[in-house]
Amino acid sequence: MNKLDAIFDVIQNMREQFGWQETDTVDFLRQCIFEESQELLNASDVQEIKHELADVLMYALTLTKMLDVDVLEIIKDKAEIVLKRNYD
């Protein structure tokens, strides 16, 4: 099992324990990512940043699973777009 699969397993186990997989929607997860990003922006120390970053990542990765999105593929696609930009 690779690290990404292990991460998905940890997230899924937590979600199943609380029944979140039964209630979460795409729109709800998008809103959570927004809210957690705001909390990340307001984090004042490294420990708080790590906690909020974990929240953002867990919601984002859950959304990728819900939408059946390949994480590596979308990151490669976005990197390709960014690499073509001119940042002068």
PDB file of N, CA and C in Angstrom:
ATOM      1  N   MET A   1       0.852  -1.181   0.000  1.00  0.00           N
ATOM      2  CA  MET A   1       0.000   0.000   0.000  1.00  0.00           C
ATOM      3  C   MET A   1       0.893   1.238   0.000  1.00  0.00           C
ATOM      4  N   ASN A   2       0.617   2.166  -0.914  1.00  0.00           N
ATOM      5  CA  ASN A   2       1.403   3.396  -0.938  1.00  0.00           C
ATOM      6  C   ASN A   2       0.860   4.394   0.085  1.00  0.00           C
ATOM      7  N   LYS A   3       1.579   5.492   0.266  1.00  0.00           N
ATOM      8  CA  LYS A   3       1.202   6.474   1.293  1.00  0.00           C
ATOM      9  C   LYS A   3      -0.166   7.099   1.023  1.00  0.00           C
ATOM     10  N   LEU A   4      -0.454   7.396  -0.243  1.00  0.00           N
ATOM     11  CA  LEU A   4      -1.733   8.021  -0.547  1.00  0.00           C
ATOM     12  C   LEU A   4      -2.886   7.074  -0.218  1.00  0.00           C
ATOM     13  N   ASP A   5      -2.738   5.811  -0.532  1.00  0.00           N
ATOM     14  CA  ASP A   5      -3.767   4.835  -0.174  1.00  0.00           C
ATOM     15  C   ASP A   5      -3.926   4.736   1.340  1.00  0.00           C
ATOM     16  N   ALA A   6      -2.812   4.774   2.070  1.00  0.00           N
ATOM     17  CA  ALA A   6      -2.866   4.732   3.530  1.00  0.00           C
ATOM     18  C   ALA A   6      -3.590   5.954   4.084  1.00  0.00           C
ATOM     19  N   ILE A   7      -3.340   7.114   3.480  1.00  0.00           N
ATOM     20  CA  ILE A   7      -4.021   8.342   3.898  1.00  0.00           C
ATOM     21  C   ILE A   7      -5.519   8.226   3.652  1.00  0.00           C
ATOM     22  N   PHE A   8      -5.892   7.737   2.469  1.00  0.00           N
ATOM     23  CA  PHE A   8      -7.311   7.546   2.165  1.00  0.00           C
ATOM     24  C   PHE A   8      -7.958   6.584   3.164  1.00  0.00           C
ATOM     25  N   ASP A   9      -7.244   5.537   3.563  1.00  0.00           N
ATOM     26  CA  ASP A   9      -7.785   4.580   4.540  1.00  0.00           C
ATOM     27  C   ASP A   9      -8.033   5.236   5.891  1.00  0.00           C
ATOM     28  N   VAL A  10      -7.084   6.052   6.351  1.00  0.00           N
ATOM     29  CA  VAL A  10      -7.250   6.752   7.629  1.00  0.00           C
ATOM     30  C   VAL A  10      -8.473   7.665   7.569  1.00  0.00           C
ATOM     31  N   ILE A  11      -8.588   8.417   6.490  1.00  0.00           N
ATOM     32  CA  ILE A  11      -9.723   9.334   6.331  1.00  0.00           C
ATOM     33  C   ILE A  11     -11.028   8.553   6.274  1.00  0.00           C
ATOM     34  N   GLN A  12     -11.069   7.485   5.493  1.00  0.00           N
ATOM     35  CA  GLN A  12     -12.299   6.705   5.342  1.00  0.00           C
ATOM     36  C   GLN A  12     -12.717   6.060   6.660  1.00  0.00           C
ATOM     37  N   ASN A  13     -11.764   5.541   7.409  1.00  0.00           N
ATOM     38  CA  ASN A  13     -12.088   4.937   8.704  1.00  0.00           C
ATOM     39  C   ASN A  13     -12.708   5.957   9.647  1.00  0.00           C
ATOM     40  N   MET A  14     -12.148   7.161   9.685  1.00  0.00           N
ATOM     41  CA  MET A  14     -12.688   8.229  10.522  1.00  0.00           C
ATOM     42  C   MET A  14     -14.097   8.595  10.063  1.00  0.00           C
ATOM     43  N   ARG A  15     -14.276   8.736   8.750  1.00  0.00           N
ATOM     44  CA  ARG A  15     -15.584   9.107   8.206  1.00  0.00           C
ATOM     45  C   ARG A  15     -16.641   8.050   8.521  1.00  0.00           C
ATOM     46  N   GLU A  16     -16.260   6.782   8.400  1.00  0.00           N
ATOM     47  CA  GLU A  16     -17.198   5.699   8.702  1.00  0.00           C
ATOM     48  C   GLU A  16     -17.575   5.676  10.173  1.00  0.00           C
ATOM     49  N   GLN A  17     -16.615   5.949  11.048  1.00  0.00           N
ATOM     50  CA  GLN A  17     -16.889   5.946  12.486  1.00  0.00           C
ATOM     51  C   GLN A  17     -17.972   6.960  12.849  1.00  0.00           C
ATOM     52  N   PHE A  18     -17.966   8.099  12.166  1.00  0.00           N
ATOM     53  CA  PHE A  18     -18.941   9.148  12.468  1.00  0.00           C
ATOM     54  C   PHE A  18     -20.129   9.174  11.509  1.00  0.00           C
ATOM     55  N   GLY A  19     -20.129   8.303  10.504  1.00  0.00           N
ATOM     56  CA  GLY A  19     -21.239   8.249   9.565  1.00  0.00           C
ATOM     57  C   GLY A  19     -21.247   9.380   8.552  1.00  0.00           C
ATOM     58  N   TRP A  20     -20.120  10.066   8.406  1.00  0.00           N
ATOM     59  CA  TRP A  20     -20.067  11.221   7.513  1.00  0.00           C
ATOM     60  C   TRP A  20     -20.231  10.833   6.055  1.00  0.00           C
ATOM     61  N   GLN A  21     -19.815   9.643   5.682  1.00  0.00           N
ATOM     62  CA  GLN A  21     -19.934   9.231   4.277  1.00  0.00           C
ATOM     63  C   GLN A  21     -21.405   9.145   3.866  1.00  0.00           C
ATOM     64  N   GLU A  22     -22.294   9.074   4.830  1.00  0.00           N
ATOM     65  CA  GLU A  22     -23.728   8.996   4.541  1.00  0.00           C
ATOM     66  C   GLU A  22     -24.361  10.372   4.350  1.00  0.00           C
ATOM     67  N   THR A  23     -23.734  11.400   4.874  1.00  0.00           N
ATOM     68  CA  THR A  23     -24.371  12.719   4.885  1.00  0.00           C
ATOM     69  C   THR A  23     -23.645  13.781   4.066  1.00  0.00           C
ATOM     70  N   ASP A  24     -22.337  13.621   3.863  1.00  0.00           N
ATOM     71  CA  ASP A  24     -21.570  14.653   3.161  1.00  0.00           C
ATOM     72  C   ASP A  24     -21.949  14.716   1.689  1.00  0.00           C
ATOM     73  N   THR A  25     -21.993  15.928   1.181  1.00  0.00           N
ATOM     74  CA  THR A  25     -22.246  16.172  -0.236  1.00  0.00           C
ATOM     75  C   THR A  25     -21.059  16.945  -0.814  1.00  0.00           C
ATOM     76  N   VAL A  26     -20.997  17.025  -2.125  1.00  0.00           N
ATOM     77  CA  VAL A  26     -19.948  17.794  -2.780  1.00  0.00           C
ATOM     78  C   VAL A  26     -19.988  19.246  -2.306  1.00  0.00           C
ATOM     79  N   ASP A  27     -21.159  19.837  -2.285  1.00  0.00           N
ATOM     80  CA  ASP A  27     -21.273  21.235  -1.858  1.00  0.00           C
ATOM     81  C   ASP A  27     -20.847  21.417  -0.405  1.00  0.00           C
ATOM     82  N   PHE A  28     -21.218  20.473   0.466  1.00  0.00           N
ATOM     83  CA  PHE A  28     -20.824  20.555   1.872  1.00  0.00           C
ATOM     84  C   PHE A  28     -19.302  20.496   2.004  1.00  0.00           C
ATOM     85  N   LEU A  29     -18.669  19.574   1.287  1.00  0.00           N
ATOM     86  CA  LEU A  29     -17.208  19.443   1.362  1.00  0.00           C
ATOM     87  C   LEU A  29     -16.509  20.686   0.820  1.00  0.00           C
ATOM     88  N   ARG A  30     -17.046  21.246  -0.240  1.00  0.00           N
ATOM     89  CA  ARG A  30     -16.474  22.485  -0.786  1.00  0.00           C
ATOM     90  C   ARG A  30     -16.541  23.606   0.244  1.00  0.00           C
ATOM     91  N   GLN A  31     -17.663  23.707   0.939  1.00  0.00           N
ATOM     92  CA  GLN A  31     -17.817  24.724   1.982  1.00  0.00           C
ATOM     93  C   GLN A  31     -16.838  24.468   3.131  1.00  0.00           C
ATOM     94  N   CYS A  32     -16.667  23.210   3.497  1.00  0.00           N
ATOM     95  CA  CYS A  32     -15.720  22.867   4.567  1.00  0.00           C
ATOM     96  C   CYS A  32     -14.300  23.253   4.189  1.00  0.00           C
ATOM     97  N   ILE A  33     -13.919  22.992   2.943  1.00  0.00           N
ATOM     98  CA  ILE A  33     -12.584  23.365   2.486  1.00  0.00           C
ATOM     99  C   ILE A  33     -12.396  24.879   2.593  1.00  0.00           C
ATOM    100  N   PHE A  34     -13.409  25.629   2.205  1.00  0.00           N
ATOM    101  CA  PHE A  34     -13.351  27.088   2.305  1.00  0.00           C
ATOM    102  C   PHE A  34     -13.165  27.514   3.764  1.00  0.00           C
ATOM    103  N   GLU A  35     -13.983  26.967   4.656  1.00  0.00           N
ATOM    104  CA  GLU A  35     -13.916  27.349   6.069  1.00  0.00           C
ATOM    105  C   GLU A  35     -12.580  26.956   6.694  1.00  0.00           C
ATOM    106  N   GLU A  36     -12.127  25.754   6.393  1.00  0.00           N
ATOM    107  CA  GLU A  36     -10.844  25.304   6.955  1.00  0.00           C
ATOM    108  C   GLU A  36      -9.686  26.107   6.377  1.00  0.00           C
ATOM    109  N   SER A  37      -9.796  26.549   5.137  1.00  0.00           N
ATOM    110  CA  SER A  37      -8.767  27.403   4.544  1.00  0.00           C
ATOM    111  C   SER A  37      -8.696  28.736   5.266  1.00  0.00           C
ATOM    112  N   GLN A  38      -9.846  29.253   5.653  1.00  0.00           N
ATOM    113  CA  GLN A  38      -9.870  30.489   6.432  1.00  0.00           C
ATOM    114  C   GLN A  38      -9.196  30.280   7.787  1.00  0.00           C
ATOM    115  N   GLU A  39      -9.466  29.133   8.410  1.00  0.00           N
ATOM    116  CA  GLU A  39      -8.829  28.833   9.687  1.00  0.00           C
ATOM    117  C   GLU A  39      -7.317  28.656   9.506  1.00  0.00           C
ATOM    118  N   LEU A  40      -6.908  28.067   8.393  1.00  0.00           N
ATOM    119  CA  LEU A  40      -5.484  27.935   8.091  1.00  0.00           C
ATOM    120  C   LEU A  40      -4.847  29.311   7.934  1.00  0.00           C
ATOM    121  N   LEU A  41      -5.538  30.194   7.255  1.00  0.00           N
ATOM    122  CA  LEU A  41      -5.035  31.555   7.067  1.00  0.00           C
ATOM    123  C   LEU A  41      -4.840  32.261   8.413  1.00  0.00           C
ATOM    124  N   ASN A  42      -5.719  31.986   9.357  1.00  0.00           N
ATOM    125  CA  ASN A  42      -5.668  32.649  10.659  1.00  0.00           C
ATOM    126  C   ASN A  42      -4.838  31.909  11.702  1.00  0.00           C
ATOM    127  N   ALA A  43      -4.286  30.763  11.353  1.00  0.00           N
ATOM    128  CA  ALA A  43      -3.483  29.992  12.303  1.00  0.00           C
ATOM    129  C   ALA A  43      -2.256  30.803  12.715  1.00  0.00           C
ATOM    130  N   SER A  44      -1.917  30.712  13.990  1.00  0.00           N
ATOM    131  CA  SER A  44      -0.863  31.590  14.512  1.00  0.00           C
ATOM    132  C   SER A  44       0.443  30.888  14.850  1.00  0.00           C
ATOM    133  N   ASP A  45       0.463  29.571  14.856  1.00  0.00           N
ATOM    134  CA  ASP A  45       1.721  28.877  15.124  1.00  0.00           C
ATOM    135  C   ASP A  45       1.778  27.594  14.294  1.00  0.00           C
ATOM    136  N   VAL A  46       2.928  26.967  14.282  1.00  0.00           N
ATOM    137  CA  VAL A  46       3.157  25.806  13.412  1.00  0.00           C
ATOM    138  C   VAL A  46       2.194  24.669  13.743  1.00  0.00           C
ATOM    139  N   GLN A  47       1.950  24.418  15.013  1.00  0.00           N
ATOM    140  CA  GLN A  47       1.047  23.327  15.387  1.00  0.00           C
ATOM    141  C   GLN A  47      -0.371  23.587  14.878  1.00  0.00           C
ATOM    142  N   GLU A  48      -0.835  24.804  15.030  1.00  0.00           N
ATOM    143  CA  GLU A  48      -2.167  25.165  14.542  1.00  0.00           C
ATOM    144  C   GLU A  48      -2.221  25.091  13.021  1.00  0.00           C
ATOM    145  N   ILE A  49      -1.169  25.531  12.357  1.00  0.00           N
ATOM    146  CA  ILE A  49      -1.102  25.428  10.897  1.00  0.00           C
ATOM    147  C   ILE A  49      -1.202  23.971  10.470  1.00  0.00           C
ATOM    148  N   LYS A  50      -0.475  23.085  11.139  1.00  0.00           N
ATOM    149  CA  LYS A  50      -0.511  21.661  10.801  1.00  0.00           C
ATOM    150  C   LYS A  50      -1.911  21.075  10.975  1.00  0.00           C
ATOM    151  N   HIS A  51      -2.595  21.447  12.047  1.00  0.00           N
ATOM    152  CA  HIS A  51      -3.954  20.940  12.282  1.00  0.00           C
ATOM    153  C   HIS A  51      -4.917  21.418  11.204  1.00  0.00           C
ATOM    154  N   GLU A  52      -4.839  22.687  10.867  1.00  0.00           N
ATOM    155  CA  GLU A  52      -5.747  23.235   9.853  1.00  0.00           C
ATOM    156  C   GLU A  52      -5.404  22.709   8.465  1.00  0.00           C
ATOM    157  N   LEU A  53      -4.132  22.541   8.181  1.00  0.00           N
ATOM    158  CA  LEU A  53      -3.716  21.959   6.903  1.00  0.00           C
ATOM    159  C   LEU A  53      -4.236  20.527   6.779  1.00  0.00           C
ATOM    160  N   ALA A  54      -4.186  19.776   7.875  1.00  0.00           N
ATOM    161  CA  ALA A  54      -4.741  18.414   7.864  1.00  0.00           C
ATOM    162  C   ALA A  54      -6.233  18.444   7.542  1.00  0.00           C
ATOM    163  N   ASP A  55      -6.960  19.392   8.128  1.00  0.00           N
ATOM    164  CA  ASP A  55      -8.394  19.512   7.837  1.00  0.00           C
ATOM    165  C   ASP A  55      -8.633  19.783   6.360  1.00  0.00           C
ATOM    166  N   VAL A  56      -7.890  20.754   5.805  1.00  0.00           N
ATOM    167  CA  VAL A  56      -8.049  21.093   4.391  1.00  0.00           C
ATOM    168  C   VAL A  56      -7.752  19.873   3.524  1.00  0.00           C
ATOM    169  N   LEU A  57      -6.655  19.196   3.818  1.00  0.00           N
ATOM    170  CA  LEU A  57      -6.280  18.030   3.022  1.00  0.00           C
ATOM    171  C   LEU A  57      -7.300  16.905   3.128  1.00  0.00           C
ATOM    172  N   MET A  58      -7.793  16.646   4.339  1.00  0.00           N
ATOM    173  CA  MET A  58      -8.774  15.560   4.498  1.00  0.00           C
ATOM    174  C   MET A  58     -10.060  15.844   3.726  1.00  0.00           C
ATOM    175  N   TYR A  59     -10.537  17.079   3.797  1.00  0.00           N
ATOM    176  CA  TYR A  59     -11.743  17.420   3.042  1.00  0.00           C
ATOM    177  C   TYR A  59     -11.481  17.367   1.539  1.00  0.00           C
ATOM    178  N   ALA A  60     -10.344  17.890   1.109  1.00  0.00           N
ATOM    179  CA  ALA A  60     -10.020  17.897  -0.327  1.00  0.00           C
ATOM    180  C   ALA A  60      -9.864  16.472  -0.859  1.00  0.00           C
ATOM    181  N   LEU A  61      -9.169  15.633  -0.117  1.00  0.00           N
ATOM    182  CA  LEU A  61      -8.990  14.248  -0.569  1.00  0.00           C
ATOM    183  C   LEU A  61     -10.308  13.483  -0.556  1.00  0.00           C
ATOM    184  N   THR A  62     -11.150  13.762   0.416  1.00  0.00           N
ATOM    185  CA  THR A  62     -12.479  13.148   0.432  1.00  0.00           C
ATOM    186  C   THR A  62     -13.259  13.555  -0.811  1.00  0.00           C
ATOM    187  N   LEU A  63     -13.144  14.817  -1.186  1.00  0.00           N
ATOM    188  CA  LEU A  63     -13.830  15.313  -2.379  1.00  0.00           C
ATOM    189  C   LEU A  63     -13.301  14.621  -3.631  1.00  0.00           C
ATOM    190  N   THR A  64     -11.995  14.373  -3.691  1.00  0.00           N
ATOM    191  CA  THR A  64     -11.457  13.673  -4.860  1.00  0.00           C
ATOM    192  C   THR A  64     -12.031  12.265  -4.962  1.00  0.00           C
ATOM    193  N   LYS A  65     -12.194  11.611  -3.831  1.00  0.00           N
ATOM    194  CA  LYS A  65     -12.782  10.265  -3.842  1.00  0.00           C
ATOM    195  C   LYS A  65     -14.248  10.323  -4.266  1.00  0.00           C
ATOM    196  N   MET A  66     -14.970  11.286  -3.724  1.00  0.00           N
ATOM    197  CA  MET A  66     -16.393  11.405  -4.027  1.00  0.00           C
ATOM    198  C   MET A  66     -16.616  11.667  -5.520  1.00  0.00           C
ATOM    199  N   LEU A  67     -15.722  12.443  -6.127  1.00  0.00           N
ATOM    200  CA  LEU A  67     -15.855  12.794  -7.539  1.00  0.00           C
ATOM    201  C   LEU A  67     -15.090  11.847  -8.460  1.00  0.00           C
ATOM    202  N   ASP A  68     -14.441  10.836  -7.870  1.00  0.00           N
ATOM    203  CA  ASP A  68     -13.640   9.865  -8.616  1.00  0.00           C
ATOM    204  C   ASP A  68     -12.580  10.575  -9.450  1.00  0.00           C
ATOM    205  N   VAL A  69     -11.835  11.457  -8.794  1.00  0.00           N
ATOM    206  CA  VAL A  69     -10.791  12.250  -9.425  1.00  0.00           C
ATOM    207  C   VAL A  69      -9.437  11.643  -9.073  1.00  0.00           C
ATOM    208  N   ASP A  70      -8.572  11.517 -10.054  1.00  0.00           N
ATOM    209  CA  ASP A  70      -7.222  11.020  -9.845  1.00  0.00           C
ATOM    210  C   ASP A  70      -6.347  12.182  -9.381  1.00  0.00           C
ATOM    211  N   VAL A  71      -5.863  12.123  -8.147  1.00  0.00           N
ATOM    212  CA  VAL A  71      -5.107  13.215  -7.552  1.00  0.00           C
ATOM    213  C   VAL A  71      -3.846  13.522  -8.359  1.00  0.00           C
ATOM    214  N   LEU A  72      -3.101  12.505  -8.711  1.00  0.00           N
ATOM    215  CA  LEU A  72      -1.872  12.721  -9.477  1.00  0.00           C
ATOM    216  C   LEU A  72      -2.172  13.372 -10.820  1.00  0.00           C
ATOM    217  N   GLU A  73      -3.212  12.912 -11.478  1.00  0.00           N
ATOM    218  CA  GLU A  73      -3.573  13.459 -12.792  1.00  0.00           C
ATOM    219  C   GLU A  73      -3.934  14.933 -12.720  1.00  0.00           C
ATOM    220  N   ILE A  74      -4.741  15.328 -11.737  1.00  0.00           N
ATOM    221  CA  ILE A  74      -5.146  16.739 -11.675  1.00  0.00           C
ATOM    222  C   ILE A  74      -3.981  17.636 -11.274  1.00  0.00           C
ATOM    223  N   ILE A  75      -3.069  17.114 -10.453  1.00  0.00           N
ATOM    224  CA  ILE A  75      -1.901  17.912 -10.082  1.00  0.00           C
ATOM    225  C   ILE A  75      -0.959  18.055 -11.266  1.00  0.00           C
ATOM    226  N   LYS A  76      -0.760  16.981 -12.001  1.00  0.00           N
ATOM    227  CA  LYS A  76       0.075  17.077 -13.204  1.00  0.00           C
ATOM    228  C   LYS A  76      -0.533  18.052 -14.208  1.00  0.00           C
ATOM    229  N   ASP A  77      -1.855  17.958 -14.423  1.00  0.00           N
ATOM    230  CA  ASP A  77      -2.530  18.859 -15.360  1.00  0.00           C
ATOM    231  C   ASP A  77      -2.365  20.318 -14.928  1.00  0.00           C
ATOM    232  N   LYS A  78      -2.536  20.584 -13.643  1.00  0.00           N
ATOM    233  CA  LYS A  78      -2.413  21.960 -13.153  1.00  0.00           C
ATOM    234  C   LYS A  78      -0.976  22.436 -13.240  1.00  0.00           C
ATOM    235  N   ALA A  79      -0.019  21.571 -12.905  1.00  0.00           N
ATOM    236  CA  ALA A  79       1.396  21.948 -13.007  1.00  0.00           C
ATOM    237  C   ALA A  79       1.758  22.305 -14.435  1.00  0.00           C
ATOM    238  N   GLU A  80       1.211  21.574 -15.380  1.00  0.00           N
ATOM    239  CA  GLU A  80       1.466  21.853 -16.793  1.00  0.00           C
ATOM    240  C   GLU A  80       0.965  23.251 -17.162  1.00  0.00           C
ATOM    241  N   ILE A  81      -0.201  23.614 -16.670  1.00  0.00           N
ATOM    242  CA  ILE A  81      -0.766  24.943 -16.926  1.00  0.00           C
ATOM    243  C   ILE A  81       0.110  26.020 -16.297  1.00  0.00           C
ATOM    244  N   VAL A  82       0.507  25.807 -15.049  1.00  0.00           N
ATOM    245  CA  VAL A  82       1.316  26.801 -14.325  1.00  0.00           C
ATOM    246  C   VAL A  82       2.672  26.986 -14.998  1.00  0.00           C
ATOM    247  N   LEU A  83       3.276  25.900 -15.441  1.00  0.00           N
ATOM    248  CA  LEU A  83       4.594  25.980 -16.059  1.00  0.00           C
ATOM    249  C   LEU A  83       4.589  26.773 -17.364  1.00  0.00           C
ATOM    250  N   LYS A  84       3.438  26.930 -17.958  1.00  0.00           N
ATOM    251  CA  LYS A  84       3.323  27.693 -19.203  1.00  0.00           C
ATOM    252  C   LYS A  84       3.111  29.188 -18.944  1.00  0.00           C
ATOM    253  N   ARG A  85       2.869  29.553 -17.705  1.00  0.00           N
ATOM    254  CA  ARG A  85       2.631  30.964 -17.372  1.00  0.00           C
ATOM    255  C   ARG A  85       3.923  31.752 -17.342  1.00  0.00           C
ATOM    256  N   ASN A  86       3.785  33.033 -17.587  1.00  0.00           N
ATOM    257  CA  ASN A  86       4.911  33.951 -17.511  1.00  0.00           C
ATOM    258  C   ASN A  86       4.777  34.743 -16.217  1.00  0.00           C
ATOM    259  N   TYR A  87       5.742  34.597 -15.341  1.00  0.00           N
ATOM    260  CA  TYR A  87       5.695  35.266 -14.034  1.00  0.00           C
ATOM    261  C   TYR A  87       6.660  36.439 -13.931  1.00  0.00           C
ATOM    262  N   ASP A  88       6.990  37.040 -15.062  1.00  0.00           N
ATOM    263  CA  ASP A  88       7.904  38.194 -15.042  1.00  0.00           C
ATOM    264  C   ASP A  88       7.264  39.423 -14.489  1.00  0.00           C
TER     265      ASP A  88
END
